[in-house]
């Protein structure tokens, strides 16, 4: 399953996603933009799963201590997998944006 992917395998999946987008849309600025937003979506999902987008520190802390250790471990594994899948698209989009071609 996806949660059992190693960081290397997640990065490979993350690299394949922009390549597939590029093949289907043709190599242009839109493909890089799509890859960036797909990477951003994976990072947002990662933050939501991890609980990093909570409203206040008290709520985050209370939620952290009220969940069992194995649930936190599983959530962290899912969050890191989604983070690594989104990383190549984000890097590609940021490099493209920094160079002024976006």
Protein backbone atom coordinates (compact mmCIF):
# COMPACT_ATOMS: atom_id res chain seq x y z
CA UNK A 1 0.00 0.00 0.00
CA UNK A 2 1.05 3.64 -0.29
CA UNK A 3 1.78 4.11 3.43
CA UNK A 4 4.36 1.34 3.33
CA UNK A 5 6.45 3.10 0.68
CA UNK A 6 9.97 3.99 1.69
CA UNK A 7 11.12 7.60 1.25
CA UNK A 8 13.08 6.57 -1.87
CA UNK A 9 10.05 4.89 -3.40
CA UNK A 10 7.90 7.91 -2.53
CA UNK A 11 10.39 10.19 -4.27
CA UNK A 12 10.32 7.96 -7.35
CA UNK A 13 6.51 8.15 -7.41
CA UNK A 14 6.82 11.91 -6.95
CA UNK A 15 9.19 12.12 -9.92
CA UNK A 16 6.91 9.97 -12.08
CA UNK A 17 3.89 12.22 -11.50
CA UNK A 18 5.46 15.31 -13.20
CA UNK A 19 6.79 13.08 -15.99
CA UNK A 20 3.31 11.69 -16.67
CA UNK A 21 1.85 15.21 -16.56
CA UNK A 22 4.51 16.37 -19.02
CA UNK A 23 3.82 13.48 -21.40
CA UNK A 24 0.08 14.15 -21.45
CA UNK A 25 0.26 17.95 -21.69
CA UNK A 26 3.44 18.33 -23.71
CA UNK A 27 6.53 20.03 -22.35
CA UNK A 28 5.53 23.59 -21.62
CA UNK A 29 5.01 25.98 -18.75
CA UNK A 30 1.58 24.52 -18.03
CA UNK A 31 3.09 21.11 -17.30
CA UNK A 32 5.47 22.65 -14.76
CA UNK A 33 2.62 24.63 -13.22
CA UNK A 34 0.46 21.53 -12.94
CA UNK A 35 3.34 19.62 -11.37
CA UNK A 36 3.85 22.41 -8.85
CA UNK A 37 0.19 22.45 -7.84
CA UNK A 38 0.04 18.66 -7.61
CA UNK A 39 3.09 18.79 -5.31
CA UNK A 40 1.45 21.55 -3.29
CA UNK A 41 -1.71 19.44 -2.96
CA UNK A 42 0.33 16.51 -1.64
CA UNK A 43 2.02 18.82 0.89
CA UNK A 44 -1.34 20.17 2.06
CA UNK A 45 -2.64 16.62 2.46
CA UNK A 46 0.50 15.78 4.42
CA UNK A 47 -0.04 18.76 6.73
CA UNK A 48 -3.68 17.86 7.27
CA UNK A 49 -2.86 14.24 8.08
CA UNK A 50 -0.11 15.24 10.50
CA UNK A 51 -2.35 17.81 12.18
CA UNK A 52 0.07 20.66 11.55
CA UNK A 53 -2.71 22.97 10.40
CA UNK A 54 -4.48 23.12 13.73
CA UNK A 55 -6.00 26.30 14.99
CA UNK A 56 -4.04 26.67 18.21
CA UNK A 57 -1.20 25.07 20.11
CA UNK A 58 -3.49 23.94 22.92
CA UNK A 59 -5.71 21.98 20.55
CA UNK A 60 -2.75 20.45 18.75
CA UNK A 61 -1.14 19.44 22.05
CA UNK A 62 -4.40 18.00 23.41
CA UNK A 63 -4.97 16.02 20.24
CA UNK A 64 -1.39 14.73 20.31
CA UNK A 65 -1.66 13.40 23.85
CA UNK A 66 -5.17 11.96 23.39
CA UNK A 67 -4.23 9.67 20.46
CA UNK A 68 -2.47 6.33 20.95
CA UNK A 69 1.18 5.98 19.97
CA UNK A 70 0.49 3.54 17.11
CA UNK A 71 -2.03 5.97 15.55
CA UNK A 72 0.52 8.79 15.70
CA UNK A 73 3.13 6.54 14.11
CA UNK A 74 0.76 5.56 11.31
CA UNK A 75 -0.25 9.21 10.72
CA UNK A 76 3.40 10.24 10.60
CA UNK A 77 4.15 7.49 8.10
CA UNK A 78 1.29 8.63 5.84
CA UNK A 79 2.28 12.28 6.19
CA UNK A 80 5.91 11.62 5.30
CA UNK A 81 4.88 9.52 2.30
CA UNK A 82 2.68 12.33 0.94
CA UNK A 83 5.42 14.88 1.69
CA UNK A 84 8.01 12.92 -0.29
CA UNK A 85 5.59 12.36 -3.18
CA UNK A 86 4.97 16.12 -3.43
CA UNK A 87 8.62 17.15 -3.03
CA UNK A 88 9.82 16.73 -6.66
CA UNK A 89 6.87 18.69 -8.07
CA UNK A 90 7.43 21.50 -5.58
CA UNK A 91 11.16 21.66 -6.33
CA UNK A 92 10.51 21.66 -10.05
CA UNK A 93 7.93 24.43 -9.77
CA UNK A 94 10.05 26.57 -7.44
CA UNK A 95 13.15 26.28 -9.65
CA UNK A 96 11.05 27.17 -12.67
CA UNK A 97 9.50 30.10 -10.82
CA UNK A 98 12.88 31.32 -9.55
CA UNK A 99 14.31 31.33 -13.05
CA UNK A 100 11.45 33.58 -14.19
CA UNK A 101 10.02 31.20 -16.74
CA UNK A 102 6.73 30.54 -14.98
